[in-house]
PDB file of N, CA and C in Angstrom:
ATOM      1  N   GLN A   1      90.426 131.111  47.376  1.00  0.00           N
ATOM      2  CA  GLN A   1      90.080 130.715  48.735  1.00  0.00           C
ATOM      3  C   GLN A   1      91.248 129.985  49.365  1.00  0.00           C
ATOM      4  N   VAL A   2      91.561 130.371  50.584  1.00  0.00           N
ATOM      5  CA  VAL A   2      92.636 129.713  51.305  1.00  0.00           C
ATOM      6  C   VAL A   2      92.142 128.394  51.841  1.00  0.00           C
ATOM      7  N   GLN A   3      92.843 127.317  51.532  1.00  0.00           N
ATOM      8  CA  GLN A   3      92.350 126.008  51.934  1.00  0.00           C
ATOM      9  C   GLN A   3      93.480 125.003  52.061  1.00  0.00           C
ATOM     10  N   LEU A   4      93.404 124.194  53.099  1.00  0.00           N
ATOM     11  CA  LEU A   4      94.307 123.067  53.283  1.00  0.00           C
ATOM     12  C   LEU A   4      93.445 121.846  53.552  1.00  0.00           C
ATOM     13  N   VAL A   5      93.661 120.764  52.822  1.00  0.00           N
ATOM     14  CA  VAL A   5      92.866 119.559  52.982  1.00  0.00           C
ATOM     15  C   VAL A   5      93.785 118.364  53.136  1.00  0.00           C
ATOM     16  N   GLU A   6      93.720 117.735  54.318  1.00  0.00           N
ATOM     17  CA  GLU A   6      94.551 116.572  54.590  1.00  0.00           C
ATOM     18  C   GLU A   6      93.856 115.293  54.142  1.00  0.00           C
ATOM     19  N   SER A   7      94.655 114.286  53.830  1.00  0.00           N
ATOM     20  CA  SER A   7      94.140 112.953  53.498  1.00  0.00           C
ATOM     21  C   SER A   7      95.230 111.934  53.794  1.00  0.00           C
ATOM     22  N   GLY A   8      94.842 110.654  53.791  1.00  0.00           N
ATOM     23  CA  GLY A   8      95.824 109.593  53.960  1.00  0.00           C
ATOM     24  C   GLY A   8      95.854 108.964  55.333  1.00  0.00           C
ATOM     25  N   GLY A   9      95.075 109.498  56.254  1.00  0.00           N
ATOM     26  CA  GLY A   9      95.044 108.894  57.580  1.00  0.00           C
ATOM     27  C   GLY A   9      94.357 107.543  57.555  1.00  0.00           C
ATOM     28  N   GLY A  10      94.451 106.825  58.665  1.00  0.00           N
ATOM     29  CA  GLY A  10      93.815 105.527  58.747  1.00  0.00           C
ATOM     30  C   GLY A  10      94.316 104.751  59.942  1.00  0.00           C
ATOM     31  N   SER A  11      94.040 103.465  59.930  1.00  0.00           N
ATOM     32  CA  SER A  11      94.451 102.583  61.014  1.00  0.00           C
ATOM     33  C   SER A  11      95.532 101.641  60.519  1.00  0.00           C
ATOM     34  N   VAL A  12      96.537 101.455  61.339  1.00  0.00           N
ATOM     35  CA  VAL A  12      97.662 100.601  60.962  1.00  0.00           C
ATOM     36  C   VAL A  12      98.232  99.968  62.223  1.00  0.00           C
ATOM     37  N   GLN A  13      98.864  98.843  62.062  1.00  0.00           N
ATOM     38  CA  GLN A  13      99.521  98.199  63.195  1.00  0.00           C
ATOM     39  C   GLN A  13     100.885  98.817  63.441  1.00  0.00           C
ATOM     40  N   ALA A  14     101.341  98.682  64.661  1.00  0.00           N
ATOM     41  CA  ALA A  14     102.658  99.194  65.015  1.00  0.00           C
ATOM     42  C   ALA A  14     103.713  98.619  64.074  1.00  0.00           C
ATOM     43  N   GLY A  15     104.623  99.499  63.654  1.00  0.00           N
ATOM     44  CA  GLY A  15     105.642  99.103  62.704  1.00  0.00           C
ATOM     45  C   GLY A  15     105.277  99.382  61.269  1.00  0.00           C
ATOM     46  N   GLY A  16     104.021  99.708  61.042  1.00  0.00           N
ATOM     47  CA  GLY A  16     103.545  99.981  59.688  1.00  0.00           C
ATOM     48  C   GLY A  16     103.824 101.405  59.251  1.00  0.00           C
ATOM     49  N   SER A  17     103.315 101.743  58.070  1.00  0.00           N
ATOM     50  CA  SER A  17     103.557 103.055  57.470  1.00  0.00           C
ATOM     51  C   SER A  17     102.254 103.667  56.975  1.00  0.00           C
ATOM     52  N   LEU A  18     102.246 104.984  56.969  1.00  0.00           N
ATOM     53  CA  LEU A  18     101.175 105.753  56.351  1.00  0.00           C
ATOM     54  C   LEU A  18     101.801 106.963  55.668  1.00  0.00           C
ATOM     55  N   ARG A  19     101.111 107.449  54.653  1.00  0.00           N
ATOM     56  CA  ARG A  19     101.566 108.633  53.948  1.00  0.00           C
ATOM     57  C   ARG A  19     100.431 109.647  53.938  1.00  0.00           C
ATOM     58  N   LEU A  20     100.647 110.737  54.630  1.00  0.00           N
ATOM     59  CA  LEU A  20      99.658 111.811  54.679  1.00  0.00           C
ATOM     60  C   LEU A  20      99.931 112.821  53.577  1.00  0.00           C
ATOM     61  N   SER A  21      98.864 113.350  53.026  1.00  0.00           N
ATOM     62  CA  SER A  21      98.983 114.404  52.025  1.00  0.00           C
ATOM     63  C   SER A  21      98.170 115.616  52.445  1.00  0.00           C
ATOM     64  N   CYS A  22      98.611 116.760  51.999  1.00  0.00           N
ATOM     65  CA  CYS A  22      97.890 118.005  52.273  1.00  0.00           C
ATOM     66  C   CYS A  22      97.805 118.779  50.969  1.00  0.00           C
ATOM     67  N   ALA A  23      96.609 118.847  50.429  1.00  0.00           N
ATOM     68  CA  ALA A  23      96.378 119.617  49.214  1.00  0.00           C
ATOM     69  C   ALA A  23      96.112 121.064  49.602  1.00  0.00           C
ATOM     70  N   THR A  24      96.763 121.977  48.908  1.00  0.00           N
ATOM     71  CA  THR A  24      96.637 123.377  49.291  1.00  0.00           C
ATOM     72  C   THR A  24      96.197 124.230  48.114  1.00  0.00           C
ATOM     73  N   SER A  25      95.573 125.338  48.431  1.00  0.00           N
ATOM     74  CA  SER A  25      95.337 126.340  47.404  1.00  0.00           C
ATOM     75  C   SER A  25      96.678 126.984  47.082  1.00  0.00           C
ATOM     76  N   ARG A  26      96.777 127.572  45.915  1.00  0.00           N
ATOM     77  CA  ARG A  26      98.031 128.193  45.528  1.00  0.00           C
ATOM     78  C   ARG A  26      98.413 129.295  46.513  1.00  0.00           C
ATOM     79  N   TYR A  27      97.427 129.998  46.979  1.00  0.00           N
ATOM     80  CA  TYR A  27      97.679 131.083  47.923  1.00  0.00           C
ATOM     81  C   TYR A  27      98.336 130.550  49.186  1.00  0.00           C
ATOM     82  N   ALA A  28      97.786 129.450  49.731  1.00  0.00           N
ATOM     83  CA  ALA A  28      98.342 128.886  50.964  1.00  0.00           C
ATOM     84  C   ALA A  28      99.730 128.315  50.718  1.00  0.00           C
ATOM     85  N   TYR A  29      99.906 127.657  49.582  1.00  0.00           N
ATOM     86  CA  TYR A  29     101.195 127.019  49.313  1.00  0.00           C
ATOM     87  C   TYR A  29     102.303 128.046  49.197  1.00  0.00           C
ATOM     88  N   ASN A  30     101.974 129.251  48.777  1.00  0.00           N
ATOM     89  CA  ASN A  30     102.997 130.282  48.644  1.00  0.00           C
ATOM     90  C   ASN A  30     103.493 130.806  49.985  1.00  0.00           C
ATOM     91  N   TRP A  31     102.766 130.471  51.036  1.00  0.00           N
ATOM     92  CA  TRP A  31     103.292 130.815  52.349  1.00  0.00           C
ATOM     93  C   TRP A  31     104.540 129.971  52.567  1.00  0.00           C
ATOM     94  N   ALA A  32     105.601 130.585  53.010  1.00  0.00           N
ATOM     95  CA  ALA A  32     106.922 129.954  52.931  1.00  0.00           C
ATOM     96  C   ALA A  32     107.059 128.703  53.785  1.00  0.00           C
ATOM     97  N   CYS A  33     106.405 128.688  54.923  1.00  0.00           N
ATOM     98  CA  CYS A  33     106.624 127.611  55.876  1.00  0.00           C
ATOM     99  C   CYS A  33     105.376 126.736  55.973  1.00  0.00           C
ATOM    100  N   MET A  34     105.551 125.440  55.764  1.00  0.00           N
ATOM    101  CA  MET A  34     104.453 124.486  55.900  1.00  0.00           C
ATOM    102  C   MET A  34     104.805 123.511  57.016  1.00  0.00           C
ATOM    103  N   GLY A  35     103.793 123.041  57.718  1.00  0.00           N
ATOM    104  CA  GLY A  35     104.083 122.166  58.843  1.00  0.00           C
ATOM    105  C   GLY A  35     103.028 121.114  59.085  1.00  0.00           C
ATOM    106  N   TRP A  36     103.420 120.117  59.858  1.00  0.00           N
ATOM    107  CA  TRP A  36     102.511 119.072  60.338  1.00  0.00           C
ATOM    108  C   TRP A  36     102.478 119.111  61.847  1.00  0.00           C
ATOM    109  N   PHE A  37     101.273 119.021  62.384  1.00  0.00           N
ATOM    110  CA  PHE A  37     101.069 119.012  63.828  1.00  0.00           C
ATOM    111  C   PHE A  37     100.107 117.885  64.160  1.00  0.00           C
ATOM    112  N   ARG A  38     100.068 117.500  65.424  1.00  0.00           N
ATOM    113  CA  ARG A  38      99.144 116.444  65.817  1.00  0.00           C
ATOM    114  C   ARG A  38      98.611 116.706  67.210  1.00  0.00           C
ATOM    115  N   GLN A  39      97.438 116.129  67.464  1.00  0.00           N
ATOM    116  CA  GLN A  39      96.836 116.257  68.782  1.00  0.00           C
ATOM    117  C   GLN A  39      96.095 114.974  69.115  1.00  0.00           C
ATOM    118  N   ALA A  40      96.500 114.373  70.217  1.00  0.00           N
ATOM    119  CA  ALA A  40      95.839 113.176  70.719  1.00  0.00           C
ATOM    120  C   ALA A  40      94.796 113.591  71.753  1.00  0.00           C
ATOM    121  N   PRO A  41      93.783 112.766  71.970  1.00  0.00           N
ATOM    122  CA  PRO A  41      92.738 113.102  72.950  1.00  0.00           C
ATOM    123  C   PRO A  41      93.336 113.368  74.328  1.00  0.00           C
ATOM    124  N   GLY A  42      92.940 114.478  74.925  1.00  0.00           N
ATOM    125  CA  GLY A  42      93.412 114.812  76.255  1.00  0.00           C
ATOM    126  C   GLY A  42      94.817 115.384  76.318  1.00  0.00           C
ATOM    127  N   LYS A  43      95.427 115.591  75.158  1.00  0.00           N
ATOM    128  CA  LYS A  43      96.793 116.119  75.125  1.00  0.00           C
ATOM    129  C   LYS A  43      96.829 117.418  74.331  1.00  0.00           C
ATOM    130  N   GLU A  44      97.870 118.193  74.578  1.00  0.00           N
ATOM    131  CA  GLU A  44      98.052 119.429  73.837  1.00  0.00           C
ATOM    132  C   GLU A  44      98.538 119.136  72.419  1.00  0.00           C
ATOM    133  N   ARG A  45      98.245 120.062  71.529  1.00  0.00           N
ATOM    134  CA  ARG A  45      98.755 119.935  70.174  1.00  0.00           C
ATOM    135  C   ARG A  45     100.275 120.035  70.192  1.00  0.00           C
ATOM    136  N   GLU A  46     100.921 119.226  69.374  1.00  0.00           N
ATOM    137  CA  GLU A  46     102.376 119.260  69.316  1.00  0.00           C
ATOM    138  C   GLU A  46     102.852 119.317  67.878  1.00  0.00           C
ATOM    139  N   GLY A  47     103.956 119.957  67.699  1.00  0.00           N
ATOM    140  CA  GLY A  47     104.552 120.037  66.377  1.00  0.00           C
ATOM    141  C   GLY A  47     105.221 118.734  66.010  1.00  0.00           C
ATOM    142  N   VAL A  48     105.116 118.371  64.751  1.00  0.00           N
ATOM    143  CA  VAL A  48     105.718 117.140  64.247  1.00  0.00           C
ATOM    144  C   VAL A  48     106.879 117.455  63.308  1.00  0.00           C
ATOM    145  N   ALA A  49     106.617 118.297  62.310  1.00  0.00           N
ATOM    146  CA  ALA A  49     107.648 118.606  61.312  1.00  0.00           C
ATOM    147  C   ALA A  49     107.278 119.881  60.575  1.00  0.00           C
ATOM    148  N   THR A  50     108.284 120.541  60.060  1.00  0.00           N
ATOM    149  CA  THR A  50     108.062 121.681  59.179  1.00  0.00           C
ATOM    150  C   THR A  50     108.979 121.548  57.974  1.00  0.00           C
ATOM    151  N   ILE A  51     108.597 122.247  56.903  1.00  0.00           N
ATOM    152  CA  ILE A  51     109.429 122.302  55.713  1.00  0.00           C
ATOM    153  C   ILE A  51     109.250 123.683  55.094  1.00  0.00           C
ATOM    154  N   ASP A  52     110.361 124.336  54.786  1.00  0.00           N
ATOM    155  CA  ASP A  52     110.247 125.677  54.216  1.00  0.00           C
ATOM    156  C   ASP A  52     110.297 125.601  52.690  1.00  0.00           C
ATOM    157  N   SER A  53     110.285 126.746  52.055  1.00  0.00           N
ATOM    158  CA  SER A  53     110.188 126.787  50.598  1.00  0.00           C
ATOM    159  C   SER A  53     111.424 126.221  49.904  1.00  0.00           C
ATOM    160  N   SER A  54     112.534 126.168  50.621  1.00  0.00           N
ATOM    161  CA  SER A  54     113.753 125.604  50.030  1.00  0.00           C
ATOM    162  C   SER A  54     113.896 124.125  50.310  1.00  0.00           C
ATOM    163  N   GLY A  55     112.988 123.581  51.103  1.00  0.00           N
ATOM    164  CA  GLY A  55     113.029 122.163  51.439  1.00  0.00           C
ATOM    165  C   GLY A  55     113.704 121.846  52.758  1.00  0.00           C
ATOM    166  N   ARG A  56     114.125 122.883  53.470  1.00  0.00           N
ATOM    167  CA  ARG A  56     114.743 122.646  54.776  1.00  0.00           C
ATOM    168  C   ARG A  56     113.670 122.166  55.750  1.00  0.00           C
ATOM    169  N   THR A  57     114.008 121.132  56.506  1.00  0.00           N
ATOM    170  CA  THR A  57     113.041 120.515  57.410  1.00  0.00           C
ATOM    171  C   THR A  57     113.492 120.587  58.865  1.00  0.00           C
ATOM    172  N   THR A  58     112.498 120.541  59.750  1.00  0.00           N
ATOM    173  CA  THR A  58     112.750 120.347  61.172  1.00  0.00           C
ATOM    174  C   THR A  58     111.806 119.254  61.647  1.00  0.00           C
ATOM    175  N   TYR A  59     112.241 118.477  62.626  1.00  0.00           N
ATOM    176  CA  TYR A  59     111.437 117.366  63.130  1.00  0.00           C
ATOM    177  C   TYR A  59     111.486 117.326  64.646  1.00  0.00           C
ATOM    178  N   ALA A  60     110.362 116.932  65.227  1.00  0.00           N
ATOM    179  CA  ALA A  60     110.352 116.655  66.654  1.00  0.00           C
ATOM    180  C   ALA A  60     111.211 115.423  66.916  1.00  0.00           C
ATOM    181  N   ASP A  61     111.847 115.399  68.081  1.00  0.00           N
ATOM    182  CA  ASP A  61     112.714 114.262  68.407  1.00  0.00           C
ATOM    183  C   ASP A  61     111.947 112.939  68.373  1.00  0.00           C
ATOM    184  N   SER A  62     110.688 112.983  68.723  1.00  0.00           N
ATOM    185  CA  SER A  62     109.897 111.754  68.811  1.00  0.00           C
ATOM    186  C   SER A  62     109.657 111.103  67.447  1.00  0.00           C
ATOM    187  N   VAL A  63     109.826 111.865  66.361  1.00  0.00           N
ATOM    188  CA  VAL A  63     109.563 111.309  65.024  1.00  0.00           C
ATOM    189  C   VAL A  63     110.797 111.321  64.135  1.00  0.00           C
ATOM    190  N   LYS A  64     111.857 111.921  64.609  1.00  0.00           N
ATOM    191  CA  LYS A  64     113.063 112.045  63.792  1.00  0.00           C
ATOM    192  C   LYS A  64     113.573 110.662  63.397  1.00  0.00           C
ATOM    193  N   GLY A  65     113.874 110.502  62.126  1.00  0.00           N
ATOM    194  CA  GLY A  65     114.343 109.220  61.622  1.00  0.00           C
ATOM    195  C   GLY A  65     113.231 108.290  61.182  1.00  0.00           C
ATOM    196  N   ARG A  66     111.992 108.629  61.524  1.00  0.00           N
ATOM    197  CA  ARG A  66     110.852 107.788  61.136  1.00  0.00           C
ATOM    198  C   ARG A  66     109.906 108.524  60.182  1.00  0.00           C
ATOM    199  N   PHE A  67     109.789 109.826  60.336  1.00  0.00           N
ATOM    200  CA  PHE A  67     108.877 110.633  59.506  1.00  0.00           C
ATOM    201  C   PHE A  67     109.706 111.488  58.544  1.00  0.00           C
ATOM    202  N   THR A  68     109.144 111.697  57.361  1.00  0.00           N
ATOM    203  CA  THR A  68     109.796 112.539  56.361  1.00  0.00           C
ATOM    204  C   THR A  68     108.782 113.484  55.744  1.00  0.00           C
ATOM    205  N   ALA A  69     109.046 114.773  55.853  1.00  0.00           N
ATOM    206  CA  ALA A  69     108.175 115.780  55.249  1.00  0.00           C
ATOM    207  C   ALA A  69     108.744 116.190  53.900  1.00  0.00           C
ATOM    208  N   SER A  70     107.849 116.410  52.940  1.00  0.00           N
ATOM    209  CA  SER A  70     108.287 116.859  51.620  1.00  0.00           C
ATOM    210  C   SER A  70     107.186 117.720  51.012  1.00  0.00           C
ATOM    211  N   ARG A  71     107.540 118.452  49.971  1.00  0.00           N
ATOM    212  CA  ARG A  71     106.542 119.273  49.292  1.00  0.00           C
ATOM    213  C   ARG A  71     106.753 119.175  47.790  1.00  0.00           C
ATOM    214  N   ASP A  72     105.655 119.176  47.070  1.00  0.00           N
ATOM    215  CA  ASP A  72     105.667 119.083  45.619  1.00  0.00           C
ATOM    216  C   ASP A  72     105.213 120.437  45.086  1.00  0.00           C
ATOM    217  N   ASN A  73     106.152 121.221  44.620  1.00  0.00           N
ATOM    218  CA  ASN A  73     105.837 122.577  44.186  1.00  0.00           C
ATOM    219  C   ASN A  73     104.935 122.600  42.955  1.00  0.00           C
ATOM    220  N   ALA A  74     105.032 121.591  42.104  1.00  0.00           N
ATOM    221  CA  ALA A  74     104.202 121.566  40.904  1.00  0.00           C
ATOM    222  C   ALA A  74     102.741 121.296  41.231  1.00  0.00           C
ATOM    223  N   ARG A  75     102.506 120.579  42.313  1.00  0.00           N
ATOM    224  CA  ARG A  75     101.134 120.191  42.672  1.00  0.00           C
ATOM    225  C   ARG A  75     100.612 120.916  43.913  1.00  0.00           C
ATOM    226  N   ASN A  76     101.411 121.833  44.455  1.00  0.00           N
ATOM    227  CA  ASN A  76     101.003 122.550  45.669  1.00  0.00           C
ATOM    228  C   ASN A  76     100.605 121.581  46.767  1.00  0.00           C
ATOM    229  N   THR A  77     101.394 120.547  46.954  1.00  0.00           N
ATOM    230  CA  THR A  77     101.058 119.483  47.894  1.00  0.00           C
ATOM    231  C   THR A  77     102.167 119.279  48.908  1.00  0.00           C
ATOM    232  N   LEU A  78     101.747 119.061  50.124  1.00  0.00           N
ATOM    233  CA  LEU A  78     102.653 118.738  51.223  1.00  0.00           C
ATOM    234  C   LEU A  78     102.415 117.285  51.620  1.00  0.00           C
ATOM    235  N   THR A  79     103.466 116.531  51.896  1.00  0.00           N
ATOM    236  CA  THR A  79     103.296 115.148  52.314  1.00  0.00           C
ATOM    237  C   THR A  79     104.083 114.867  53.591  1.00  0.00           C
ATOM    238  N   LEU A  80     103.634 113.855  54.308  1.00  0.00           N
ATOM    239  CA  LEU A  80     104.342 113.367  55.491  1.00  0.00           C
ATOM    240  C   LEU A  80     104.375 111.848  55.404  1.00  0.00           C
ATOM    241  N   GLN A  81     105.536 111.303  55.120  1.00  0.00           N
ATOM    242  CA  GLN A  81     105.726 109.861  55.097  1.00  0.00           C
ATOM    243  C   GLN A  81     106.045 109.399  56.507  1.00  0.00           C
ATOM    244  N   MET A  82     105.225 108.504  57.029  1.00  0.00           N
ATOM    245  CA  MET A  82     105.389 108.051  58.404  1.00  0.00           C
ATOM    246  C   MET A  82     105.705 106.553  58.394  1.00  0.00           C
ATOM    247  N   ASP A  83     106.872 106.197  58.832  1.00  0.00           N
ATOM    248  CA  ASP A  83     107.319 104.807  58.885  1.00  0.00           C
ATOM    249  C   ASP A  83     107.553 104.390  60.333  1.00  0.00           C
ATOM    250  N   SER A  84     107.629 103.094  60.539  1.00  0.00           N
ATOM    251  CA  SER A  84     107.879 102.539  61.878  1.00  0.00           C
ATOM    252  C   SER A  84     106.934 103.164  62.901  1.00  0.00           C
ATOM    253  N   LEU A  85     105.672 103.198  62.577  1.00  0.00           N
ATOM    254  CA  LEU A  85     104.697 103.857  63.434  1.00  0.00           C
ATOM    255  C   LEU A  85     104.555 103.155  64.772  1.00  0.00           C
ATOM    256  N   LYS A  86     104.291 103.952  65.802  1.00  0.00           N
ATOM    257  CA  LYS A  86     104.126 103.461  67.156  1.00  0.00           C
ATOM    258  C   LYS A  86     102.735 103.844  67.663  1.00  0.00           C
ATOM    259  N   PRO A  87     102.214 103.132  68.641  1.00  0.00           N
ATOM    260  CA  PRO A  87     100.894 103.500  69.181  1.00  0.00           C
ATOM    261  C   PRO A  87     100.846 104.945  69.653  1.00  0.00           C
ATOM    262  N   GLU A  88     101.939 105.458  70.170  1.00  0.00           N
ATOM    263  CA  GLU A  88     101.956 106.838  70.652  1.00  0.00           C
ATOM    264  C   GLU A  88     101.905 107.866  69.522  1.00  0.00           C
ATOM    265  N   ASP A  89     101.986 107.421  68.285  1.00  0.00           N
ATOM    266  CA  ASP A  89     101.810 108.321  67.145  1.00  0.00           C
ATOM    267  C   ASP A  89     100.331 108.550  66.826  1.00  0.00           C
ATOM    268  N   SER A  90      99.462 107.813  67.476  1.00  0.00           N
ATOM    269  CA  SER A  90      98.019 107.954  67.223  1.00  0.00           C
ATOM    270  C   SER A  90      97.558 109.350  67.602  1.00  0.00           C
ATOM    271  N   ALA A  91      96.893 110.025  66.681  1.00  0.00           N
ATOM    272  CA  ALA A  91      96.442 111.399  66.911  1.00  0.00           C
ATOM    273  C   ALA A  91      95.718 111.891  65.669  1.00  0.00           C
ATOM    274  N   MET A  92      95.113 113.070  65.807  1.00  0.00           N
ATOM    275  CA  MET A  92      94.625 113.787  64.640  1.00  0.00           C
ATOM    276  C   MET A  92      95.798 114.600  64.102  1.00  0.00           C
ATOM    277  N   TYR A  93      96.064 114.477  62.835  1.00  0.00           N
ATOM    278  CA  TYR A  93      97.180 115.175  62.221  1.00  0.00           C
ATOM    279  C   TYR A  93      96.668 116.332  61.361  1.00  0.00           C
ATOM    280  N   TYR A  94      97.319 117.472  61.527  1.00  0.00           N
ATOM    281  CA  TYR A  94      96.929 118.680  60.820  1.00  0.00           C
ATOM    282  C   TYR A  94      98.096 119.220  60.013  1.00  0.00           C
ATOM    283  N   CYS A  95      97.811 119.724  58.825  1.00  0.00           N
ATOM    284  CA  CYS A  95      98.812 120.497  58.119  1.00  0.00           C
ATOM    285  C   CYS A  95      98.478 121.972  58.299  1.00  0.00           C
ATOM    286  N   ALA A  96      99.486 122.796  58.192  1.00  0.00           N
ATOM    287  CA  ALA A  96      99.317 124.218  58.437  1.00  0.00           C
ATOM    288  C   ALA A  96     100.340 125.011  57.643  1.00  0.00           C
ATOM    289  N   ALA A  97     100.052 126.289  57.454  1.00  0.00           N
ATOM    290  CA  ALA A  97     100.941 127.164  56.711  1.00  0.00           C
ATOM    291  C   ALA A  97     101.227 128.421  57.527  1.00  0.00           C
ATOM    292  N   ALA A  98     102.444 128.925  57.393  1.00  0.00           N
ATOM    293  CA  ALA A  98     102.862 130.118  58.140  1.00  0.00           C
ATOM    294  C   ALA A  98     103.561 131.092  57.206  1.00  0.00           C
ATOM    295  N   ARG A  99     103.286 132.364  57.433  1.00  0.00           N
ATOM    296  CA  ARG A  99     103.914 133.420  56.632  1.00  0.00           C
ATOM    297  C   ARG A  99     105.125 133.948  57.390  1.00  0.00           C
ATOM    298  N   ILE A 100     106.116 133.110  57.529  1.00  0.00           N
ATOM    299  CA  ILE A 100     107.317 133.491  58.251  1.00  0.00           C
ATOM    300  C   ILE A 100     108.524 133.101  57.439  1.00  0.00           C
ATOM    301  N   SER A 101     109.636 133.705  57.747  1.00  0.00           N
ATOM    302  CA  SER A 101     110.859 133.402  57.010  1.00  0.00           C
ATOM    303  C   SER A 101     111.386 132.033  57.401  1.00  0.00           C
ATOM    304  N   SER A 102     112.261 131.526  56.594  1.00  0.00           N
ATOM    305  CA  SER A 102     112.818 130.196  56.838  1.00  0.00           C
ATOM    306  C   SER A 102     113.527 130.107  58.189  1.00  0.00           C
ATOM    307  N   ASP A 103     114.091 131.217  58.627  1.00  0.00           N
ATOM    308  CA  ASP A 103     114.812 131.202  59.909  1.00  0.00           C
ATOM    309  C   ASP A 103     113.890 130.826  61.067  1.00  0.00           C
ATOM    310  N   TYR A 104     112.595 131.079  60.907  1.00  0.00           N
ATOM    311  CA  TYR A 104     111.647 130.821  61.989  1.00  0.00           C
ATOM    312  C   TYR A 104     110.729 129.643  61.697  1.00  0.00           C
ATOM    313  N   CYS A 105     110.981 128.952  60.604  1.00  0.00           N
ATOM    314  CA  CYS A 105     110.128 127.815  60.216  1.00  0.00           C
ATOM    315  C   CYS A 105     110.536 126.604  61.041  1.00  0.00           C
ATOM    316  N   ASP A 106     109.803 126.371  62.112  1.00  0.00           N
ATOM    317  CA  ASP A 106     110.201 125.350  63.071  1.00  0.00           C
ATOM    318  C   ASP A 106     108.951 124.741  63.698  1.00  0.00           C
ATOM    319  N   PHE A 107     108.984 123.446  63.962  1.00  0.00           N
ATOM    320  CA  PHE A 107     107.804 122.753  64.482  1.00  0.00           C
ATOM    321  C   PHE A 107     107.405 123.258  65.872  1.00  0.00           C
ATOM    322  N   ARG A 108     108.325 123.938  66.565  1.00  0.00           N
ATOM    323  CA  ARG A 108     108.012 124.435  67.907  1.00  0.00           C
ATOM    324  C   ARG A 108     107.241 125.755  67.879  1.00  0.00           C
ATOM    325  N   ARG A 109     107.065 126.345  66.688  1.00  0.00           N
ATOM    326  CA  ARG A 109     106.438 127.663  66.580  1.00  0.00           C
ATOM    327  C   ARG A 109     105.025 127.562  66.026  1.00  0.00           C
ATOM    328  N   SER A 110     104.188 126.759  66.640  1.00  0.00           N
ATOM    329  CA  SER A 110     102.829 126.542  66.118  1.00  0.00           C
ATOM    330  C   SER A 110     102.005 127.827  66.083  1.00  0.00           C
ATOM    331  N   ARG A 111     102.303 128.778  66.969  1.00  0.00           N
ATOM    332  CA  ARG A 111     101.518 130.017  67.007  1.00  0.00           C
ATOM    333  C   ARG A 111     101.740 130.883  65.782  1.00  0.00           C
ATOM    334  N   ASP A 112     102.800 130.615  65.028  1.00  0.00           N
ATOM    335  CA  ASP A 112     103.059 131.380  63.815  1.00  0.00           C
ATOM    336  C   ASP A 112     102.221 130.906  62.634  1.00  0.00           C
ATOM    337  N   PHE A 113     101.555 129.759  62.778  1.00  0.00           N
ATOM    338  CA  PHE A 113     100.831 129.169  61.662  1.00  0.00           C
ATOM    339  C   PHE A 113      99.409 129.704  61.637  1.00  0.00           C
ATOM    340  N   GLY A 114      99.063 130.362  60.523  1.00  0.00           N
ATOM    341  CA  GLY A 114      97.785 131.039  60.446  1.00  0.00           C
ATOM    342  C   GLY A 114      96.720 130.320  59.644  1.00  0.00           C
ATOM    343  N   ILE A 115      97.106 129.317  58.886  1.00  0.00           N
ATOM    344  CA  ILE A 115      96.132 128.553  58.102  1.00  0.00           C
ATOM    345  C   ILE A 115      96.247 127.094  58.515  1.00  0.00           C
ATOM    346  N   TRP A 116      95.089 126.487  58.797  1.00  0.00           N
ATOM    347  CA  TRP A 116      95.076 125.099  59.274  1.00  0.00           C
ATOM    348  C   TRP A 116      94.052 124.285  58.486  1.00  0.00           C
ATOM    349  N   GLY A 117      94.386 123.003  58.284  1.00  0.00           N
ATOM    350  CA  GLY A 117      93.423 122.090  57.697  1.00  0.00           C
ATOM    351  C   GLY A 117      92.498 121.524  58.760  1.00  0.00           C
ATOM    352  N   GLN A 118      91.596 120.657  58.341  1.00  0.00           N
ATOM    353  CA  GLN A 118      90.610 120.066  59.251  1.00  0.00           C
ATOM    354  C   GLN A 118      91.142 118.826  59.963  1.00  0.00           C
ATOM    355  N   GLY A 119      92.215 118.259  59.474  1.00  0.00           N
ATOM    356  CA  GLY A 119      92.831 117.124  60.144  1.00  0.00           C
ATOM    357  C   GLY A 119      92.463 115.782  59.536  1.00  0.00           C
ATOM    358  N   THR A 120      93.337 114.814  59.760  1.00  0.00           N
ATOM    359  CA  THR A 120      93.094 113.432  59.354  1.00  0.00           C
ATOM    360  C   THR A 120      93.562 112.527  60.487  1.00  0.00           C
ATOM    361  N   GLN A 121      92.746 111.534  60.813  1.00  0.00           N
ATOM    362  CA  GLN A 121      93.006 110.687  61.975  1.00  0.00           C
ATOM    363  C   GLN A 121      93.990 109.570  61.649  1.00  0.00           C
ATOM    364  N   VAL A 122      94.944 109.392  62.536  1.00  0.00           N
ATOM    365  CA  VAL A 122      95.900 108.286  62.448  1.00  0.00           C
ATOM    366  C   VAL A 122      95.776 107.460  63.716  1.00  0.00           C
ATOM    367  N   THR A 123      95.560 106.162  63.548  1.00  0.00           N
ATOM    368  CA  THR A 123      95.441 105.254  64.685  1.00  0.00           C
ATOM    369  C   THR A 123      96.408 104.106  64.497  1.00  0.00           C
ATOM    370  N   VAL A 124      97.275 103.915  65.479  1.00  0.00           N
ATOM    371  CA  VAL A 124      98.276 102.855  65.419  1.00  0.00           C
ATOM    372  C   VAL A 124      98.003 101.884  66.555  1.00  0.00           C
ATOM    373  N   SER A 125      97.759 100.636  66.220  1.00  0.00           N
ATOM    374  CA  SER A 125      97.453  99.628  67.224  1.00  0.00           C
ATOM    375  C   SER A 125      98.688  98.788  67.524  1.00  0.00           C
ATOM    376  N   SER A 126      98.743  98.327  68.749  1.00  0.00           N
ATOM    377  CA  SER A 126      99.914  97.532  69.171  1.00  0.00           C
ATOM    378  C   SER A 126      99.719  96.055  68.854  1.00  0.00           C
TER     379      SER A 126
END
């Protein structure tokens, strides 16, 4: 069964850190491109970061230098380390998988992602 399950969300004060995890089925993890996306109430979904099977990453400018995406091939797990959090980072965060080559594995290509998790809420207070 294809499945992505996020965890690690919560409430934190500005400047704090959270670590999101995405547990995947082996089938989903074998999709070359994995990504993190977020959606705040009343706003469109936006790409946050992607990581391909070789570990190459892309990041939105708004999170670059603060967020780090990684993947654990032994555990079929995707993680997003979020540091120096800001109130504007508050959103529902989703992990997703795409069957695309590394050349196209980019946070701006959300339409390429065919498997999505249910999301985990992140709330950052000022």
